[in-house]
């Protein structure tokens, strides 16, 4: 019997489906075997969702690099042509020593594309990062839960990072930046549910209109205590050159959700959202 893994969206799913996944590994001569892709199959429909690495800068042989870059599109085309089940059977029967498939592992999911992304991150991207040289705040940023980030950057306490995540090459890194996972749909489409996001401690300049990580005081439920929202405020004059916030409101980007007003002392801004990691 295959092992069973449950992949959920971080909250109670409305419905679940059974599936199974296989890992695609690459074994080049003289190099260690590495996972390069995931194939996720819906057991009820037979549909297969593939995701293969698309960046091969470390491959010195240009011919091999071009072949590997085309692998994902080739898999998708053959799935459309043959159907998912027939394609998987052909792979299991015909793969060479260079490309290898793992055994099928049963999995329960509530959303197949999201589950595929998380399996790819766990089995392909995480392994790739471990094999790279991590240069803190040069090539990689620390990964924190939102609660841990609030503790470290809000209370200035030492918190150990869960790991290190490769940062985009064009992003200028600083020591007050970190990566956290955002769960929920209130900031879609800009911040997809379950995505990894880059944040910077505090807010540079005015908070008005910026997306911020906020800790709401007096709330014990972690899923509700730490939230990402658009910061909006109204000010009123209290003196000749003095102003105070008349109202602060946190707004979602997804119109299916409602914003809420904050009173003084109800929340604190921990960090500013920078970008989603693709």
Protein backbone atom coordinates (compact mmCIF):
# COMPACT_ATOMS: atom_id res chain seq x y z
CA UNK A 1 0.00 0.00 0.00
CA UNK A 2 1.37 3.47 -0.84
CA UNK A 3 1.78 6.00 1.91
CA UNK A 4 -0.93 8.66 2.18
CA UNK A 5 -0.14 12.36 2.38
CA UNK A 6 -2.72 15.08 3.03
CA UNK A 7 -2.26 18.44 1.30
CA UNK A 8 -4.72 21.15 2.37
CA UNK A 9 -4.98 24.88 2.04
CA UNK A 10 -4.41 25.60 5.73
CA UNK A 11 -8.12 25.66 6.61
CA UNK A 12 -10.97 23.14 6.59
CA UNK A 13 -11.62 22.12 2.94
CA UNK A 14 -15.15 22.03 1.59
CA UNK A 15 -14.43 18.78 -0.29
CA UNK A 16 -11.46 16.51 -0.79
CA UNK A 17 -10.33 14.27 -3.62
CA UNK A 18 -8.05 11.26 -3.80
CA UNK A 19 -4.96 11.29 -5.95
CA UNK A 20 -1.40 10.09 -6.22
CA UNK A 21 1.89 11.70 -7.14
CA UNK A 22 5.20 10.60 -8.64
CA UNK A 23 8.56 12.36 -8.45
CA UNK A 24 10.67 12.75 -11.57
CA UNK A 25 14.41 12.57 -10.92
CA UNK A 26 17.42 13.43 -13.08
CA UNK A 27 20.61 11.36 -12.88
CA UNK A 28 23.36 12.83 -15.07
CA UNK A 29 26.70 11.07 -15.33
CA UNK A 30 29.08 12.16 -12.60
CA UNK A 31 26.38 14.11 -10.69
CA UNK A 32 24.10 13.15 -7.77
CA UNK A 33 20.48 12.26 -8.54
CA UNK A 34 18.09 15.17 -8.01
CA UNK A 35 14.32 15.62 -8.14
CA UNK A 36 13.29 17.86 -11.04
CA UNK A 37 9.53 17.48 -11.21
CA UNK A 38 6.21 16.24 -9.83
CA UNK A 39 3.36 14.47 -11.61
CA UNK A 40 0.07 14.65 -9.69
CA UNK A 41 -2.82 12.41 -10.79
CA UNK A 42 -6.51 12.80 -9.94
CA UNK A 43 -7.63 9.25 -9.14
CA UNK A 44 -11.27 10.06 -9.89
CA UNK A 45 -10.82 11.56 -13.37
CA UNK A 46 -7.40 10.29 -14.44
CA UNK A 47 -6.23 13.86 -15.13
CA UNK A 48 -2.50 14.38 -14.64
CA UNK A 49 -0.98 17.69 -13.52
CA UNK A 50 2.75 17.98 -14.33
CA UNK A 51 5.27 20.51 -13.05
CA UNK A 52 8.90 20.32 -14.17
CA UNK A 53 11.81 22.63 -13.38
CA UNK A 54 12.33 25.29 -16.04
CA UNK A 55 15.70 26.78 -15.02
CA UNK A 56 18.94 24.92 -15.68
CA UNK A 57 21.74 27.44 -15.27
CA UNK A 58 23.95 24.87 -13.54
CA UNK A 59 23.93 22.47 -16.53
CA UNK A 60 27.13 23.09 -18.49
CA UNK A 61 26.22 20.98 -21.53
CA UNK A 62 24.11 23.37 -23.65
CA UNK A 63 22.43 20.52 -25.49
CA UNK A 64 21.28 18.90 -22.26
CA UNK A 65 20.15 22.26 -20.85
CA UNK A 66 17.97 22.98 -23.91
CA UNK A 67 16.45 19.48 -23.75
CA UNK A 68 15.65 19.89 -20.07
CA UNK A 69 14.09 23.34 -20.62
CA UNK A 70 11.69 21.80 -23.15
CA UNK A 71 10.76 18.86 -20.93
CA UNK A 72 7.80 20.50 -19.18
CA UNK A 73 6.12 21.59 -22.42
CA UNK A 74 6.77 18.16 -23.92
CA UNK A 75 5.07 16.44 -20.97
CA UNK A 76 2.04 18.75 -21.20
CA UNK A 77 1.69 18.14 -24.95
CA UNK A 78 1.85 14.37 -24.55
CA UNK A 79 -0.71 14.43 -21.73
CA UNK A 80 -3.11 16.33 -23.99
CA UNK A 81 -2.44 13.91 -26.84
CA UNK A 82 -2.43 10.59 -24.97
CA UNK A 83 -4.42 11.28 -21.81
CA UNK A 84 -3.01 11.25 -18.30
CA UNK A 85 -3.15 7.54 -17.51
CA UNK A 86 -1.68 6.44 -20.85
CA UNK A 87 1.12 9.00 -20.50
CA UNK A 88 2.04 7.81 -16.99
CA UNK A 89 2.10 4.18 -18.10
CA UNK A 90 4.37 5.06 -21.02
CA UNK A 91 6.74 6.90 -18.68
CA UNK A 92 6.89 4.05 -16.20
CA UNK A 93 7.64 1.61 -19.04
CA UNK A 94 10.14 3.62 -21.06
CA UNK A 95 12.21 6.00 -18.91
CA UNK A 96 15.98 5.66 -19.18
CA UNK A 97 18.64 5.74 -16.50
CA UNK A 98 18.85 9.52 -16.94
CA UNK A 99 15.20 10.20 -16.06
CA UNK A 100 13.70 8.14 -13.25
CA UNK A 101 10.24 7.94 -11.68
CA UNK A 102 9.46 7.23 -8.04
CA UNK A 103 6.74 4.89 -6.85
CA UNK A 104 3.23 6.35 -6.72
CA UNK A 105 2.26 7.91 -3.38
CA UNK A 106 -1.41 8.33 -2.45
CA UNK A 107 -2.47 11.86 -1.53
CA UNK A 108 -5.68 13.59 -0.44
CA UNK A 109 -6.16 17.14 -1.73
CA UNK A 110 -8.78 19.88 -1.83
CA UNK A 111 -7.26 21.70 -4.82
CA UNK A 112 -4.98 19.95 -7.34
CA UNK A 113 -3.05 22.96 -8.75
CA UNK A 114 -2.32 24.22 -5.22
CA UNK A 115 -1.32 20.75 -4.03
CA UNK A 116 0.98 20.39 -7.06
CA UNK A 117 2.69 23.68 -6.21
CA UNK A 118 3.31 22.61 -2.61
CA UNK A 119 4.59 19.16 -3.57
CA UNK A 120 6.95 20.80 -6.06
CA UNK A 121 8.21 23.22 -3.43
CA UNK A 122 8.74 20.43 -0.88
CA UNK A 123 10.35 17.79 -3.09
CA UNK A 124 12.06 19.84 -5.81
CA UNK A 125 12.72 23.43 -4.75
CA UNK A 126 13.60 22.67 -1.13
CA UNK A 127 16.10 20.01 -2.20
CA UNK A 128 17.61 22.42 -4.75
CA UNK A 129 18.05 25.14 -2.12
CA UNK A 130 19.73 22.69 0.26
CA UNK A 131 22.29 21.85 -2.43
CA UNK A 132 23.11 25.53 -3.04
CA UNK A 133 25.43 27.65 -0.97
CA UNK A 134 23.22 29.80 1.24
CA UNK A 135 24.51 33.36 1.59
CA UNK A 136 22.20 35.03 4.13
CA UNK A 137 20.75 38.31 2.85
CA UNK A 138 22.88 38.03 -0.29
CA UNK A 139 21.24 35.17 -2.16
CA UNK A 140 18.71 33.90 0.41
CA UNK A 141 16.19 35.24 2.93
CA UNK A 142 15.05 33.59 6.18
CA UNK A 143 11.67 31.85 6.24
CA UNK A 144 9.42 32.55 9.25
CA UNK A 145 5.85 31.81 10.16
CA UNK A 146 3.91 35.06 10.50
CA UNK A 147 3.76 34.54 14.26
CA UNK A 148 7.55 34.07 14.46
CA UNK A 149 8.10 37.13 12.26
CA UNK A 150 5.92 39.22 14.57
CA UNK A 151 7.98 38.02 17.54
CA UNK A 152 11.34 38.71 15.91
CA UNK A 153 10.59 41.97 14.12
CA UNK A 154 7.88 43.27 16.46
CA UNK A 155 9.39 42.42 19.81
CA UNK A 156 13.07 42.33 18.75
CA UNK A 157 13.56 38.83 20.17
CA UNK A 158 15.80 36.14 18.73
CA UNK A 159 13.82 33.64 16.66
CA UNK A 160 15.35 30.81 14.67
CA UNK A 161 14.41 30.74 10.99
CA UNK A 162 12.62 27.67 9.65
CA UNK A 163 14.96 27.69 6.66
CA UNK A 164 16.36 29.87 3.88
CA UNK A 165 14.60 30.71 0.63
CA UNK A 166 16.31 31.76 -2.62
CA UNK A 167 15.48 35.39 -3.34
CA UNK A 168 14.85 36.87 -6.79
CA UNK A 169 18.12 37.86 -8.42
CA UNK A 170 17.01 41.48 -9.03
CA UNK A 171 15.79 42.09 -5.47
CA UNK A 172 18.21 44.08 -3.31
CA UNK A 173 18.29 42.25 0.02
CA UNK A 174 18.65 43.79 3.46
CA UNK A 175 18.88 42.25 6.93
CA UNK A 176 15.37 43.41 7.86
CA UNK A 177 13.73 41.34 5.10
CA UNK A 178 12.19 37.88 5.45
CA UNK A 179 9.85 35.42 3.75
CA UNK A 180 6.51 34.25 5.16
CA UNK A 181 3.64 32.13 3.85
CA UNK A 182 0.27 33.84 3.44
CA UNK A 183 -2.78 31.60 3.81
CA UNK A 184 -6.22 32.79 2.77
CA UNK A 185 -7.93 34.41 -0.21
CA UNK A 186 -8.58 37.92 1.09
CA UNK A 187 -5.66 39.45 -0.85
CA UNK A 188 -6.19 37.60 -4.12
CA UNK A 189 -5.37 37.99 -6.94
CA UNK A 190 -2.25 39.91 -5.93
CA UNK A 191 -1.32 37.46 -3.15
CA UNK A 192 -2.54 33.94 -4.00
CA UNK A 193 -3.62 31.64 -1.18
CA UNK A 194 -0.65 29.69 0.17
CA UNK A 195 2.02 31.80 -1.54
CA UNK A 196 5.44 32.67 -0.13
CA UNK A 197 5.94 36.43 0.15
CA UNK A 198 8.83 38.78 0.85
CA UNK A 199 8.35 41.33 3.64
CA UNK A 200 10.46 44.14 5.08
CA UNK A 201 10.37 45.07 8.76
CA UNK A 202 8.36 48.21 9.44
CA UNK A 203 7.20 50.57 6.70
CA UNK A 204 9.37 53.03 4.79
CA UNK A 205 7.61 56.39 4.50
CA UNK A 206 3.84 56.72 4.66
CA UNK A 207 1.72 53.60 5.29
CA UNK A 208 -1.14 54.96 3.22
CA UNK A 209 -2.24 52.48 0.54
CA UNK A 210 0.51 49.96 1.31
CA UNK A 211 0.04 46.26 2.00
CA UNK A 212 1.18 45.51 5.54
CA UNK A 213 1.54 42.59 7.94
CA UNK A 214 -0.49 43.45 11.03
CA UNK A 215 -0.72 41.83 14.45
CA UNK A 216 -4.15 42.31 16.04
CA UNK A 217 -3.95 42.51 19.82
CA UNK A 218 -6.17 40.48 22.11
CA UNK A 219 -6.86 37.74 19.54
CA UNK A 220 -5.63 34.26 20.43
CA UNK A 221 -6.51 32.55 17.13
CA UNK A 222 -3.23 32.69 15.15
CA UNK A 223 -5.03 32.55 11.79
CA UNK A 224 -6.91 35.76 12.68
CA UNK A 225 -4.25 37.48 14.82
CA UNK A 226 -1.76 37.96 11.95
CA UNK A 227 -3.16 39.36 8.72
CA UNK A 228 -2.08 41.05 5.49
CA UNK A 229 -4.25 43.99 4.44
CA UNK A 230 -4.17 47.34 2.62
CA UNK A 231 -3.61 50.17 5.09
CA UNK A 232 -5.77 53.27 4.73
CA UNK A 233 -6.16 56.15 7.17
CA UNK A 234 -7.85 59.50 7.55
CA UNK A 235 -6.22 62.33 9.52
CA UNK A 236 -7.58 65.39 11.27
CA UNK A 237 -5.83 68.54 12.34
CA UNK A 238 -5.25 68.93 16.09
CA UNK A 239 -3.09 72.03 15.91
CA UNK A 240 -1.41 74.41 13.51
CA UNK A 241 1.05 71.75 12.32
CA UNK A 242 -0.22 68.75 14.26
CA UNK A 243 -2.31 65.85 12.97
CA UNK A 244 -3.70 62.64 14.35
CA UNK A 245 -5.31 59.56 12.79
CA UNK A 246 -9.07 59.99 12.80
CA UNK A 247 -9.63 56.47 11.49
CA UNK A 248 -7.47 53.55 10.40
CA UNK A 249 -8.96 50.84 8.21
CA UNK A 250 -7.52 47.58 6.91
CA UNK A 251 -8.95 46.57 3.55
CA UNK A 252 -8.75 43.26 1.63
CA UNK A 253 -8.13 43.26 -2.13
CA UNK A 254 -10.64 40.46 -2.72
CA UNK A 255 -14.12 42.01 -2.81
CA UNK A 256 -15.60 38.83 -1.35
CA UNK A 257 -14.13 39.84 2.02
CA UNK A 258 -14.83 42.85 4.24
CA UNK A 259 -12.39 45.29 5.76
CA UNK A 260 -12.45 46.51 9.35
CA UNK A 261 -11.65 49.63 11.33
CA UNK A 262 -8.97 49.77 14.01
CA UNK A 263 -9.02 51.68 17.25
CA UNK A 264 -5.86 52.95 18.86
CA UNK A 265 -3.87 50.13 20.46
CA UNK A 266 -5.83 47.35 18.73
CA UNK A 267 -3.06 46.42 16.30
CA UNK A 268 0.52 47.08 15.32
CA UNK A 269 2.14 47.05 11.90
CA UNK A 270 4.98 44.52 11.78
CA UNK A 271 6.19 44.67 8.19
CA UNK A 272 5.54 45.88 4.67
CA UNK A 273 4.72 43.48 1.83
CA UNK A 274 7.32 43.57 -0.96
CA UNK A 275 6.41 40.85 -3.47
CA UNK A 276 5.19 37.31 -4.03
CA UNK A 277 7.84 34.67 -4.76
CA UNK A 278 6.99 32.85 -8.00
